Amino acid sequence: MPILLNLIQEMSVFAVIAYLYSKTPTFRPLITGSFRTKDYVFLYIFFSALTIMGTYLGIPIKDAIANTRAIGAVMAGLLGGPLLGGAVGLTGGLHRYMLGGFTAASCGVSTTVEGLIGGFVHMYLIRRNESHKVFSFKVAFFTTFISEITQMSLIMLISRPVTEAWDLVRVIALPMIFANSLGAALFISILKDQKNMIDVYGVTFSKKALNIANKTLGLLSKGVKSDTAEKLAKVIHEETGVGSVAITDTEKVIAFIGMGADHHKPGTVISSQCTLRSIRNNEVVFIDGISEKYECSIDEHCPLGSVLVVPLNVDGEIIGTIKMMEPKNRRFLGINKSFGKGIAELLSTQLLLSKYEEQKNLLVKSELKLVQAQVNPHFLFNTLNTIGSVIRTNPEKARELIIHLSSFFRSNLKRTSDISTLREEVEHIKSYLIIEEARFNDRLRVDIQIPEEFMNIRIPAFSLQPVVENAVKHGISSLMGEGVISISAKVGDGKCTITIEDNAGAYCMDKKSKTGIGMKSVDRRIKNLCGNQYGIDTECSEGEYTRVMIVIPEEGCGDEV
């Protein structure tokens, strides 16, 4: 019994060391399972020191030592694998061997074996995808239990004389097996509790971050302005529970929520030196109120005592800051410090995405304006020539062509939306095709077969006209005989496919040079509005047909940009 009590006292030292170790940054690789060389070196030194300490704290008995050395070796193997466990066990074993005694050799060998047993249990659990069991109380207990039985067996096999070895094992076996097994289980339990706490913090942090991301995504679509900044500050204040939250641009406070709101007024010029320093140097500024005092620059009676200032950085440009503050009677929690930095990164990313979306929409609108403004002078010239030749022989026909020409250009100029219906697109190209039919006389025939139920499908404006114009300009105009342009639409597999086909087959002969800005713009705008799986596809058989397919979602391309 005295041996057991002494070993339990030693075990308590290991428990304290486990607790202190779990609070250091070096514990984190054990949580993530991601080890670098320097992590293995540290773990080797740490657990080797535990193993050697277990020997020195041991109780001398019959020219041997009852000890807790096994805890360090088994834990090294269980947490780090066979290589680490074997290395720590060998180090602890060599140290024990050098101390001498009739069990020096057997204890040296057994310590190495114990480290390897822990390592092989680690390997077994990893291969079974049960790595979480490395931190199991039961696994640690029974692994050490088996290791200590192995040690007692090796003492009996190697140590001489056998009678003395038997007398020693009879005295130390039960106390060492029980104390070391319990000590290892307690050691791993302390580490597991800290791991669970970190996991809980991580889950809480992630949940809050997701809540903020969800609540602020729509707010930041127009950037950080006074109305959106106030809502943003409220969201952060609610999720973090800090005393106050402020949002600033680079010159003034644009929102303030929480304690101190009576004198920290939105619209006032930034006077806080920590905020100005954060903006000027693009750095996170933290004043904990203990090692460094936070002094309010507006009111000496301000209740706020600590502050975290995180700059908002969008595409390399500082656009403002987020400030989180706590009152003087409350400590600024470390999790909120990390959380504040994470929020700023999250919001900076959202602002960057909003900026990208805004620029993309401006590009789409610019391309639309370009398509609207692009009037082929040859088309106008040819149309006027056609009207001039018809006006004497068929004034009514000439009048009709002038009306269609007017309608065509009016449609080009009055479109302000990037989205129209398929019906509007068809009506637009009809004016163009009627003019071209008159120019080609009997050499052009147009066949439009689009079911009425498809006519209200939303489609990017000016999607059909550039494709139809290409068919006339680069296809029909090259034919000696009759040219036919057919336009049809079908729906299937979640897609609506509008097909423009001509019987010239001239597109594939000079495909690259004949894909003008109009068709490229249509393809790009469809992809921007609907997704990269949509756009323009072409098929061509030289001298037979050219088929251009405009593919959009079955439900259309969505709302106006």
Protein backbone atom coordinates (compact mmCIF):
# COMPACT_ATOMS: atom_id res chain seq x y z
CA MET A 1 0.00 0.00 0.00
CA PRO A 2 2.77 2.58 0.76
CA ILE A 3 4.21 1.95 -2.72
CA LEU A 4 0.82 2.57 -4.31
CA LEU A 5 0.29 5.81 -2.38
CA ASN A 6 3.72 7.10 -3.34
CA LEU A 7 3.11 6.27 -6.99
CA ILE A 8 -0.28 8.03 -6.88
CA GLN A 9 1.50 11.12 -5.52
CA GLU A 10 3.87 10.96 -8.50
CA MET A 11 0.87 10.55 -10.77
CA SER A 12 -0.55 13.86 -9.51
CA VAL A 13 2.61 15.60 -10.76
CA PHE A 14 1.92 14.23 -14.23
CA ALA A 15 -1.66 15.50 -14.00
CA VAL A 16 -0.46 19.03 -13.26
CA ILE A 17 2.02 18.85 -16.14
CA ALA A 18 -0.73 17.63 -18.49
CA TYR A 19 -2.95 20.56 -17.48
CA LEU A 20 -0.19 23.12 -18.02
CA TYR A 21 0.81 21.54 -21.34
CA SER A 22 -2.80 21.67 -22.60
CA LYS A 23 -2.77 25.46 -22.16
CA THR A 24 0.24 26.03 -24.43
CA PRO A 25 0.23 26.57 -28.24
CA THR A 26 2.33 23.39 -28.62
CA PHE A 27 -0.79 21.38 -27.73
CA ARG A 28 -2.63 22.45 -30.89
CA PRO A 29 -0.89 20.01 -33.29
CA LEU A 30 -2.34 17.15 -31.22
CA ILE A 31 -5.83 18.55 -31.83
CA THR A 32 -5.46 19.01 -35.56
CA GLY A 33 -3.30 15.92 -36.15
CA SER A 34 -1.05 18.07 -38.37
CA PHE A 35 2.57 17.71 -37.25
CA ARG A 36 5.61 19.53 -38.54
CA THR A 37 9.19 18.46 -37.84
CA LYS A 38 9.56 20.99 -35.03
CA ASP A 39 6.34 19.65 -33.43
CA TYR A 40 7.77 16.14 -33.36
CA VAL A 41 11.03 17.46 -31.89
CA PHE A 42 9.16 19.27 -29.13
CA LEU A 43 6.99 16.24 -28.34
CA TYR A 44 10.09 14.03 -28.22
CA ILE A 45 11.82 16.34 -25.75
CA PHE A 46 8.65 16.83 -23.69
CA PHE A 47 7.72 13.16 -23.30
CA SER A 48 11.35 12.07 -22.88
CA ALA A 49 11.58 14.52 -19.98
CA LEU A 50 8.40 13.04 -18.48
CA THR A 51 9.79 9.52 -18.83
CA ILE A 52 13.12 10.41 -17.19
CA MET A 53 11.32 12.37 -14.47
CA GLY A 54 9.18 9.30 -13.77
CA THR A 55 12.37 7.36 -13.12
CA TYR A 56 13.87 9.98 -10.79
CA LEU A 57 10.62 10.28 -8.82
CA GLY A 58 10.50 6.51 -8.37
CA ILE A 59 10.84 4.55 -5.13
CA PRO A 60 13.97 2.37 -4.67
CA ILE A 61 12.99 -1.25 -3.91
CA LYS A 62 15.27 -4.34 -3.83
CA ASP A 63 17.98 -2.73 -6.05
CA ALA A 64 15.25 -1.64 -8.49
CA ILE A 65 12.89 1.34 -8.89
CA ALA A 66 9.07 1.37 -8.66
CA ASN A 67 8.20 4.24 -10.97
CA THR A 68 5.74 6.04 -13.26
CA ARG A 69 8.13 6.09 -16.22
CA ALA A 70 5.66 4.23 -18.44
CA ILE A 71 3.23 7.17 -18.56
CA GLY A 72 5.61 9.32 -20.66
CA ALA A 73 6.54 6.51 -23.06
CA VAL A 74 3.00 5.21 -23.62
CA MET A 75 1.53 8.72 -24.04
CA ALA A 76 4.20 9.59 -26.60
CA GLY A 77 3.30 6.53 -28.67
CA LEU A 78 -0.45 6.87 -28.24
CA LEU A 79 -0.48 10.55 -29.24
CA GLY A 80 2.37 10.62 -31.78
CA GLY A 81 2.66 7.15 -33.27
CA PRO A 82 5.26 4.33 -33.24
CA LEU A 83 8.23 6.47 -34.28
CA LEU A 84 7.74 9.02 -31.51
CA GLY A 85 6.78 6.37 -28.96
CA GLY A 86 9.78 4.21 -29.83
CA ALA A 87 12.19 7.17 -29.70
CA VAL A 88 10.89 8.36 -26.32
CA GLY A 89 10.85 4.79 -24.95
CA LEU A 90 14.42 4.18 -26.11
CA THR A 91 15.61 7.43 -24.55
CA GLY A 92 13.90 6.66 -21.25
CA GLY A 93 15.15 3.06 -21.40
CA LEU A 94 18.80 4.07 -21.99
CA HIS A 95 18.57 6.51 -19.11
CA ARG A 96 17.24 3.77 -16.82
CA TYR A 97 19.92 1.34 -18.00
CA MET A 98 22.69 3.78 -17.10
CA LEU A 99 21.37 4.01 -13.53
CA GLY A 100 22.29 0.34 -13.05
CA GLY A 101 20.74 -2.38 -10.92
CA PHE A 102 19.85 -5.98 -11.67
CA THR A 103 16.70 -4.80 -13.58
CA ALA A 104 18.55 -2.15 -15.62
CA ALA A 105 18.55 -4.16 -18.85
CA SER A 106 15.00 -5.48 -18.53
CA CYS A 107 13.60 -2.04 -17.62
CA GLY A 108 15.55 -0.41 -20.46
CA VAL A 109 14.06 -2.85 -22.96
CA SER A 110 10.56 -2.74 -21.48
CA THR A 111 10.40 1.09 -21.57
CA THR A 112 11.19 1.00 -25.30
CA VAL A 113 8.57 -1.69 -25.83
CA GLU A 114 5.97 0.34 -23.91
CA GLY A 115 6.50 3.33 -26.19
CA LEU A 116 6.09 1.05 -29.22
CA ILE A 117 2.90 -0.52 -27.81
CA GLY A 118 1.37 2.98 -27.46
CA GLY A 119 2.49 3.78 -31.02
CA PHE A 120 0.98 0.63 -32.50
CA VAL A 121 -2.35 1.34 -30.75
CA HIS A 122 -2.21 4.84 -32.32
CA MET A 123 -1.54 3.32 -35.77
CA TYR A 124 -4.37 0.81 -35.34
CA LEU A 125 -6.89 3.53 -34.47
CA ILE A 126 -5.79 5.76 -37.37
CA ARG A 127 -6.14 2.94 -39.88
CA ARG A 128 -9.66 2.22 -38.61
CA ASN A 129 -10.57 5.94 -38.96
CA GLU A 130 -11.06 6.15 -35.20
CA SER A 131 -8.44 8.78 -34.44
CA HIS A 132 -10.79 10.38 -31.88
CA LYS A 133 -10.24 7.34 -29.62
CA VAL A 134 -6.62 8.40 -29.12
CA PHE A 135 -8.05 10.73 -26.46
CA SER A 136 -10.18 8.01 -24.87
CA PHE A 137 -9.83 7.38 -21.11
CA LYS A 138 -10.37 3.65 -21.63
CA VAL A 139 -7.88 3.33 -24.47
CA ALA A 140 -5.17 5.08 -22.42
CA PHE A 141 -5.94 2.95 -19.36
CA PHE A 142 -5.88 -0.43 -21.11
CA THR A 143 -2.89 0.43 -23.34
CA THR A 144 -0.84 1.30 -20.26
CA PHE A 145 -2.27 -1.71 -18.41
CA ILE A 146 -1.01 -4.06 -21.15
CA SER A 147 2.31 -2.18 -21.32
CA GLU A 148 2.92 -2.62 -17.60
CA ILE A 149 2.05 -6.32 -17.71
CA THR A 150 4.57 -6.58 -20.58
CA GLN A 151 7.17 -4.82 -18.41
CA MET A 152 6.65 -7.25 -15.54
CA SER A 153 6.97 -10.18 -17.96
CA LEU A 154 10.23 -8.81 -19.38
CA ILE A 155 11.64 -8.34 -15.85
CA MET A 156 10.94 -12.03 -15.21
CA LEU A 157 12.45 -13.10 -18.57
CA ILE A 158 15.60 -10.94 -18.57
CA SER A 159 16.53 -10.11 -14.96
CA ARG A 160 18.76 -12.47 -13.01
CA PRO A 161 18.62 -14.09 -10.56
CA VAL A 162 15.06 -15.20 -11.23
CA THR A 163 14.19 -15.51 -7.54
CA GLU A 164 15.00 -11.85 -6.93
CA ALA A 165 13.13 -10.87 -10.06
CA TRP A 166 10.08 -12.78 -8.82
CA ASP A 167 10.27 -11.21 -5.37
CA LEU A 168 10.44 -7.74 -6.97
CA VAL A 169 7.55 -8.32 -9.36
CA ARG A 170 5.42 -9.67 -6.51
CA VAL A 171 5.88 -6.39 -4.63
CA ILE A 172 5.69 -3.77 -7.42
CA ALA A 173 3.42 -5.34 -10.06
CA LEU A 174 -0.02 -4.37 -8.78
CA PRO A 175 0.91 -0.85 -7.56
CA MET A 176 2.76 0.01 -10.82
CA ILE A 177 0.12 -1.48 -13.12
CA PHE A 178 -2.69 0.35 -11.33
CA ALA A 179 -0.91 3.70 -10.75
CA ASN A 180 0.56 3.96 -14.26
CA SER A 181 -2.69 2.93 -15.97
CA LEU A 182 -4.73 5.37 -13.92
CA GLY A 183 -2.12 8.10 -14.40
CA ALA A 184 -2.11 7.68 -18.19
CA ALA A 185 -5.91 7.73 -18.27
CA LEU A 186 -5.97 10.90 -16.14
CA PHE A 187 -3.28 12.51 -18.33
CA ILE A 188 -5.24 11.84 -21.52
CA SER A 189 -8.53 12.96 -19.89
CA ILE A 190 -7.08 16.35 -19.04
CA LEU A 191 -5.89 16.77 -22.62
CA LYS A 192 -9.28 15.62 -23.92
CA ASP A 193 -11.15 18.15 -21.75
CA GLN A 194 -9.01 20.97 -23.12
CA LYS A 195 -9.49 19.65 -26.67
CA ASN A 196 -13.27 19.60 -26.17
CA MET A 197 -13.19 23.13 -24.83
CA ILE A 198 -11.26 24.34 -27.88
CA ASP A 199 -13.71 22.48 -30.14
CA VAL A 200 -16.66 24.14 -28.37
CA TYR A 201 -15.04 27.56 -28.79
CA GLY A 202 -14.44 26.74 -32.44
CA VAL A 203 -18.06 25.72 -32.98
CA THR A 204 -19.30 28.84 -31.16
CA PHE A 205 -16.95 31.03 -33.17
CA SER A 206 -18.02 29.40 -36.45
CA LYS A 207 -21.70 29.69 -35.59
CA LYS A 208 -21.39 33.38 -34.76
CA ALA A 209 -19.34 34.00 -37.90
CA LEU A 210 -21.96 32.24 -40.04
CA ASN A 211 -24.74 34.24 -38.37
CA ILE A 212 -22.92 37.50 -39.07
CA ALA A 213 -22.15 36.43 -42.64
CA ASN A 214 -25.79 35.51 -43.21
CA LYS A 215 -27.13 38.75 -41.71
CA THR A 216 -24.65 41.08 -43.39
CA LEU A 217 -24.42 39.60 -46.88
CA GLY A 218 -27.31 41.68 -48.18
CA LEU A 219 -26.27 44.76 -46.22
CA LEU A 220 -22.86 45.03 -47.83
CA SER A 221 -24.02 44.79 -51.44
CA LYS A 222 -23.88 48.61 -51.64
CA GLY A 223 -20.76 49.04 -49.52
CA VAL A 224 -20.42 50.49 -46.00
CA LYS A 225 -22.67 53.54 -45.74
CA SER A 226 -24.37 55.20 -42.79
CA ASP A 227 -27.61 53.19 -43.01
CA THR A 228 -25.93 49.82 -43.60
CA ALA A 229 -23.17 50.55 -41.05
CA GLU A 230 -25.71 50.96 -38.23
CA LYS A 231 -27.35 47.64 -39.06
CA LEU A 232 -23.93 46.01 -39.32
CA ALA A 233 -22.88 47.36 -35.92
CA LYS A 234 -26.12 46.01 -34.37
CA VAL A 235 -25.48 42.55 -35.80
CA ILE A 236 -21.90 42.43 -34.46
CA HIS A 237 -23.03 43.82 -31.09
CA GLU A 238 -25.74 41.16 -30.74
CA GLU A 239 -23.52 38.26 -31.77
CA THR A 240 -20.44 39.15 -29.70
CA GLY A 241 -22.08 40.65 -26.62
CA VAL A 242 -19.32 43.26 -26.24
CA GLY A 243 -20.02 46.59 -24.61
CA SER A 244 -19.97 48.69 -27.77
CA VAL A 245 -19.38 48.41 -31.50
CA ALA A 246 -18.38 51.26 -33.80
CA ILE A 247 -17.96 51.40 -37.56
CA THR A 248 -15.85 54.15 -39.11
CA ASP A 249 -14.70 55.14 -42.55
CA THR A 250 -11.26 56.72 -42.90
CA GLU A 251 -12.41 60.11 -41.61
CA LYS A 252 -15.45 59.86 -39.36
CA VAL A 253 -17.59 57.57 -37.20
CA ILE A 254 -20.53 56.31 -39.27
CA ALA A 255 -22.21 54.04 -36.68
CA PHE A 256 -22.00 53.45 -32.92
CA ILE A 257 -24.03 50.95 -30.88
CA GLY A 258 -23.82 50.25 -27.12
CA MET A 259 -22.27 51.86 -24.06
CA GLY A 260 -20.95 55.38 -24.60
CA ALA A 261 -23.39 56.11 -27.42
CA ASP A 262 -24.39 59.34 -25.63
CA HIS A 263 -21.09 60.98 -26.60
CA HIS A 264 -19.76 58.80 -29.45
CA LYS A 265 -21.99 60.28 -32.12
CA PRO A 266 -22.12 59.08 -35.75
CA GLY A 267 -20.88 61.76 -38.10
CA THR A 268 -18.16 63.05 -35.77
CA VAL A 269 -14.57 63.20 -37.01
CA ILE A 270 -12.31 60.38 -35.77
CA SER A 271 -10.28 61.65 -32.81
CA SER A 272 -9.20 58.35 -31.23
CA GLN A 273 -5.46 57.86 -31.71
CA CYS A 274 -5.76 54.06 -31.76
CA THR A 275 -8.27 54.27 -34.63
CA LEU A 276 -6.13 56.72 -36.57
CA ARG A 277 -3.09 54.48 -36.05
CA SER A 278 -5.01 51.44 -37.31
CA ILE A 279 -6.03 53.31 -40.47
CA ARG A 280 -2.62 54.89 -41.02
CA ASN A 281 -0.57 51.69 -40.54
CA ASN A 282 -3.16 49.11 -41.65
CA GLU A 283 -2.72 47.25 -38.37
CA VAL A 284 -4.87 45.70 -35.67
CA VAL A 285 -4.72 47.79 -32.50
CA PHE A 286 -5.65 46.20 -29.16
CA ILE A 287 -5.67 48.03 -25.85
CA ASP A 288 -6.59 45.61 -23.05
CA GLY A 289 -7.17 48.25 -20.36
CA ILE A 290 -4.70 46.50 -18.02
CA SER A 291 -1.17 46.64 -19.40
CA GLU A 292 -2.20 49.66 -21.46
CA LYS A 293 -4.99 52.03 -20.53
CA TYR A 294 -7.63 53.12 -23.02
CA GLU A 295 -8.42 56.81 -22.73
CA CYS A 296 -11.56 58.10 -24.46
CA SER A 297 -10.69 61.13 -26.58
CA ILE A 298 -14.17 62.65 -26.17
CA ASP A 299 -15.32 62.19 -22.56
CA GLU A 300 -13.08 61.51 -19.55
CA HIS A 301 -16.02 59.83 -17.80
CA CYS A 302 -16.54 57.34 -20.65
CA PRO A 303 -17.32 53.85 -19.23
CA LEU A 304 -15.26 52.08 -21.90
CA GLY A 305 -11.90 50.69 -20.79
CA SER A 306 -10.58 48.44 -23.57
CA VAL A 307 -10.78 48.45 -27.35
CA LEU A 308 -9.98 46.36 -30.40
CA VAL A 309 -9.63 48.24 -33.70
CA VAL A 310 -9.48 46.16 -36.89
CA PRO A 311 -9.03 47.84 -40.28
CA LEU A 312 -11.37 46.99 -43.16
CA ASN A 313 -9.15 46.27 -46.14
CA VAL A 314 -10.74 45.94 -49.58
CA ASP A 315 -8.44 45.09 -52.46
CA GLY A 316 -5.44 46.66 -50.72
CA GLU A 317 -7.30 49.85 -49.78
CA ILE A 318 -8.30 50.78 -46.21
CA ILE A 319 -11.94 51.89 -46.28
CA GLY A 320 -12.56 52.09 -42.54
CA THR A 321 -12.45 50.16 -39.26
CA ILE A 322 -14.51 47.98 -36.96
CA LYS A 323 -14.12 48.82 -33.27
CA MET A 324 -15.19 46.51 -30.45
CA MET A 325 -15.08 47.93 -26.90
CA GLU A 326 -15.63 46.65 -23.37
CA PRO A 327 -16.41 48.66 -20.21
CA LYS A 328 -13.78 49.24 -17.52
CA ASN A 329 -15.30 46.65 -15.18
CA ARG A 330 -15.19 43.83 -17.74
CA ARG A 331 -12.20 42.02 -19.22
CA PHE A 332 -11.91 41.87 -23.02
CA LEU A 333 -12.25 38.15 -23.76
CA GLY A 334 -9.57 36.53 -25.91
CA ILE A 335 -12.23 34.81 -28.04
CA ASN A 336 -13.78 38.19 -28.87
CA LYS A 337 -10.35 39.52 -29.81
CA SER A 338 -9.88 36.64 -32.27
CA PHE A 339 -13.50 36.93 -33.31
CA GLY A 340 -13.14 40.64 -34.08
CA LYS A 341 -10.22 39.97 -36.40
CA GLY A 342 -12.17 37.20 -38.09
CA ILE A 343 -15.22 39.44 -38.55
CA ALA A 344 -13.11 42.11 -40.23
CA GLU A 345 -11.59 39.57 -42.63
CA LEU A 346 -15.05 38.17 -43.36
CA LEU A 347 -16.56 41.58 -44.04
CA SER A 348 -13.56 42.67 -46.11
CA THR A 349 -14.05 39.58 -48.27
CA GLN A 350 -17.78 40.31 -48.62
CA LEU A 351 -17.06 43.91 -49.58
CA LEU A 352 -14.51 42.74 -52.14
CA LEU A 353 -17.07 40.36 -53.62
CA SER A 354 -19.66 43.14 -53.70
CA LYS A 355 -17.17 45.38 -55.47
CA TYR A 356 -16.44 42.62 -57.95
CA GLU A 357 -20.16 42.05 -58.58
CA GLU A 358 -20.68 45.78 -59.05
CA GLN A 359 -17.83 45.98 -61.56
CA LYS A 360 -19.12 42.88 -63.35
CA ASN A 361 -22.59 44.41 -63.63
CA LEU A 362 -21.11 47.66 -64.92
CA LEU A 363 -19.22 45.67 -67.53
CA VAL A 364 -22.42 43.88 -68.56
CA LYS A 365 -24.27 47.20 -68.84
CA SER A 366 -21.38 48.72 -70.81
CA GLU A 367 -21.45 45.82 -73.24
CA LEU A 368 -25.20 46.22 -73.58
CA LYS A 369 -24.78 49.92 -74.37
CA LEU A 370 -22.13 49.00 -76.91
CA VAL A 371 -24.45 46.53 -78.61
CA GLN A 372 -27.22 49.14 -78.59
CA ALA A 373 -24.95 51.77 -80.09
CA GLN A 374 -23.42 49.44 -82.64
CA VAL A 375 -25.21 50.13 -85.92
CA ASN A 376 -23.66 48.43 -88.89
CA PRO A 377 -23.23 51.27 -91.44
CA HIS A 378 -23.49 48.74 -94.27
CA PHE A 379 -26.91 47.66 -92.98
CA LEU A 380 -28.13 51.27 -92.92
CA PHE A 381 -26.59 52.00 -96.31
CA ASN A 382 -28.09 48.86 -97.88
CA THR A 383 -31.49 49.55 -96.33
CA LEU A 384 -31.61 53.10 -97.67
CA ASN A 385 -30.59 51.83 -101.12
CA THR A 386 -33.36 49.22 -100.97
CA ILE A 387 -35.94 51.85 -99.98
CA GLY A 388 -34.67 54.13 -102.75
CA SER A 389 -35.15 51.41 -105.41
CA VAL A 390 -38.61 50.44 -104.13
CA ILE A 391 -40.04 53.90 -103.54
CA ARG A 392 -40.90 54.56 -107.26
CA THR A 393 -42.35 51.17 -108.06
CA ASN A 394 -44.01 50.39 -104.75
CA PRO A 395 -44.41 53.44 -102.50
CA GLU A 396 -46.50 51.48 -99.99
CA LYS A 397 -43.74 48.89 -99.62
CA ALA A 398 -41.16 51.67 -99.19
CA ARG A 399 -43.34 53.25 -96.51
CA GLU A 400 -43.56 49.89 -94.73
CA LEU A 401 -39.78 49.46 -94.83
CA ILE A 402 -39.25 52.94 -93.38
CA ILE A 403 -41.63 52.06 -90.52
CA HIS A 404 -39.72 48.84 -89.81
CA LEU A 405 -36.38 50.66 -89.96
CA SER A 406 -37.71 53.24 -87.52
CA SER A 407 -39.06 50.49 -85.25
CA PHE A 408 -35.71 48.69 -85.35
CA PHE A 409 -33.68 51.74 -84.29
CA ARG A 410 -36.29 52.84 -81.73
CA SER A 411 -36.04 49.41 -80.10
CA ASN A 412 -32.25 49.72 -80.04
CA LEU A 413 -32.34 53.09 -78.33
CA LYS A 414 -35.13 52.72 -75.78
CA ARG A 415 -33.90 49.55 -74.06
CA THR A 416 -32.67 50.37 -70.55
CA SER A 417 -32.96 46.92 -69.01
CA ASP A 418 -30.49 44.09 -69.52
CA ILE A 419 -33.40 41.62 -69.46
CA SER A 420 -36.24 41.30 -71.93
CA THR A 421 -38.65 38.55 -72.90
CA LEU A 422 -38.25 36.21 -75.82
CA ARG A 423 -41.34 37.88 -77.35
CA GLU A 424 -39.64 41.29 -77.30
CA GLU A 425 -36.49 39.82 -78.86
CA VAL A 426 -38.49 38.16 -81.64
CA GLU A 427 -40.39 41.37 -82.39
CA HIS A 428 -37.09 43.24 -82.57
CA ILE A 429 -35.50 40.87 -85.09
CA LYS A 430 -38.69 40.73 -87.18
CA SER A 431 -38.20 44.38 -88.16
CA TYR A 432 -34.61 43.63 -89.13
CA LEU A 433 -35.54 40.50 -91.13
CA ILE A 434 -38.41 42.19 -93.01
CA ILE A 435 -35.91 44.81 -94.22
CA GLU A 436 -33.40 42.12 -95.22
CA GLU A 437 -36.10 40.09 -97.02
CA ALA A 438 -36.92 43.15 -99.11
CA ARG A 439 -33.22 43.64 -99.92
CA PHE A 440 -32.69 40.03 -100.98
CA ASN A 441 -36.04 39.78 -102.79
CA ASP A 442 -36.80 36.08 -103.22
CA ARG A 443 -33.37 34.92 -102.04
CA LEU A 444 -34.20 35.05 -98.32
CA ARG A 445 -36.85 33.12 -96.44
CA VAL A 446 -37.37 33.32 -92.70
CA ASP A 447 -39.11 30.61 -90.66
CA ILE A 448 -39.83 31.39 -86.99
CA GLN A 449 -41.21 28.43 -85.01
CA ILE A 450 -41.35 29.38 -81.32
CA PRO A 451 -44.30 28.07 -79.25
CA GLU A 452 -46.39 30.74 -77.57
CA GLU A 453 -45.74 29.27 -74.10
CA PHE A 454 -42.03 30.09 -74.47
CA MET A 455 -42.54 33.72 -75.42
CA ASN A 456 -42.44 35.04 -71.82
CA ILE A 457 -39.12 33.41 -70.96
CA ARG A 458 -36.64 36.07 -69.75
CA ILE A 459 -33.51 36.45 -71.83
CA PRO A 460 -30.64 38.99 -71.94
CA ALA A 461 -31.60 41.91 -74.17
CA PHE A 462 -30.20 41.96 -77.72
CA SER A 463 -29.38 38.24 -77.62
CA LEU A 464 -30.99 37.25 -80.93
CA GLN A 465 -30.20 40.24 -83.14
CA PRO A 466 -26.36 39.84 -83.30
CA VAL A 467 -26.73 36.12 -84.10
CA VAL A 468 -29.35 36.70 -86.80
CA GLU A 469 -27.27 39.53 -88.25
CA ASN A 470 -24.27 37.18 -88.44
CA ALA A 471 -26.39 34.61 -90.27
CA VAL A 472 -27.40 37.19 -92.89
CA LYS A 473 -24.09 39.00 -93.22
CA HIS A 474 -21.75 35.98 -93.26
CA GLY A 475 -24.09 33.29 -94.49
CA ILE A 476 -27.06 34.22 -96.67
CA SER A 477 -25.20 37.03 -98.47
CA SER A 478 -22.71 34.50 -99.84
CA LEU A 479 -25.39 32.25 -101.42
CA MET A 480 -26.38 32.35 -105.06
CA GLY A 481 -29.65 30.58 -104.45
CA GLU A 482 -32.34 30.87 -101.79
CA GLY A 483 -31.18 31.42 -98.22
CA VAL A 484 -33.24 30.14 -95.32
CA ILE A 485 -33.00 31.28 -91.71
CA SER A 486 -34.99 29.24 -89.21
CA ILE A 487 -35.49 30.25 -85.58
CA SER A 488 -36.87 27.75 -83.07
CA ALA A 489 -36.92 27.06 -79.33
CA LYS A 490 -37.22 23.98 -77.16
CA VAL A 491 -37.09 23.20 -73.46
CA GLY A 492 -35.52 20.14 -71.84
CA ASP A 493 -33.14 19.04 -69.04
CA GLY A 494 -33.70 22.32 -67.21
CA LYS A 495 -32.55 24.38 -70.19
CA CYS A 496 -34.18 26.48 -72.89
CA THR A 497 -32.35 26.30 -76.22
CA ILE A 498 -33.05 28.91 -78.88
CA THR A 499 -31.63 27.83 -82.24
CA ILE A 500 -30.83 30.15 -85.18
CA GLU A 501 -29.88 28.13 -88.26
CA ASP A 502 -29.02 29.12 -91.82
CA ASN A 503 -28.43 26.93 -94.88
CA ALA A 504 -25.15 28.59 -95.95
CA GLY A 505 -22.67 26.75 -93.72
CA ALA A 506 -20.17 29.57 -94.15
CA TYR A 507 -19.44 30.15 -90.44
CA CYS A 508 -17.04 27.19 -90.07
CA MET A 509 -14.79 28.39 -92.91
CA ASP A 510 -13.63 31.43 -90.97
CA LYS A 511 -15.06 30.81 -87.57
CA LYS A 512 -12.74 32.89 -85.40
CA SER A 513 -12.69 36.08 -87.45
CA LYS A 514 -16.43 36.01 -87.97
CA THR A 515 -17.27 35.85 -84.27
CA GLY A 516 -17.72 39.57 -83.76
CA ILE A 517 -18.20 41.63 -80.65
CA GLY A 518 -21.97 41.12 -80.78
CA MET A 519 -21.96 37.33 -80.40
CA LYS A 520 -19.09 37.40 -77.90
CA SER A 521 -20.98 39.94 -75.82
CA VAL A 522 -24.15 37.80 -75.89
CA ASP A 523 -22.23 34.75 -74.72
CA ARG A 524 -20.48 36.68 -71.94
CA ARG A 525 -23.65 38.38 -70.70
CA ILE A 526 -25.53 35.07 -70.55
CA LYS A 527 -22.70 33.51 -68.54
CA ASN A 528 -22.56 36.48 -66.16
CA LEU A 529 -26.32 36.49 -65.61
CA CYS A 530 -27.08 32.76 -65.65
CA GLY A 531 -23.86 30.83 -65.01
CA ASN A 532 -20.95 29.40 -66.97
CA GLN A 533 -22.91 26.30 -68.03
CA TYR A 534 -25.03 28.53 -70.27
CA GLY A 535 -24.16 30.67 -73.28
CA ILE A 536 -23.71 30.18 -77.03
CA ASP A 537 -22.84 26.89 -78.77
CA THR A 538 -22.26 26.56 -82.51
CA GLU A 539 -22.38 23.71 -85.00
CA CYS A 540 -21.41 23.99 -88.65
CA SER A 541 -21.27 21.79 -91.74
CA GLU A 542 -19.46 23.61 -94.53
CA GLY A 543 -21.78 24.50 -97.38
CA GLU A 544 -24.79 22.95 -95.62
CA TYR A 545 -25.72 24.74 -92.41
CA THR A 546 -24.60 26.89 -89.53
CA ARG A 547 -26.47 26.31 -86.28
CA VAL A 548 -26.12 28.72 -83.35
CA MET A 549 -27.73 27.64 -80.08
CA ILE A 550 -28.43 30.15 -77.33
CA VAL A 551 -28.73 28.15 -74.11
CA ILE A 552 -30.33 29.69 -71.02
CA PRO A 553 -32.05 28.24 -67.91
CA GLU A 554 -35.55 26.85 -68.50
CA GLU A 555 -37.02 29.45 -66.16
CA GLY A 556 -35.11 32.25 -67.88
CA CYS A 557 -32.18 34.43 -66.88
CA GLY A 558 -33.62 35.98 -63.76
CA ASP A 559 -34.24 39.50 -62.68
CA GLU A 560 -32.93 42.74 -64.02
CA VAL A 561 -29.35 43.59 -63.07
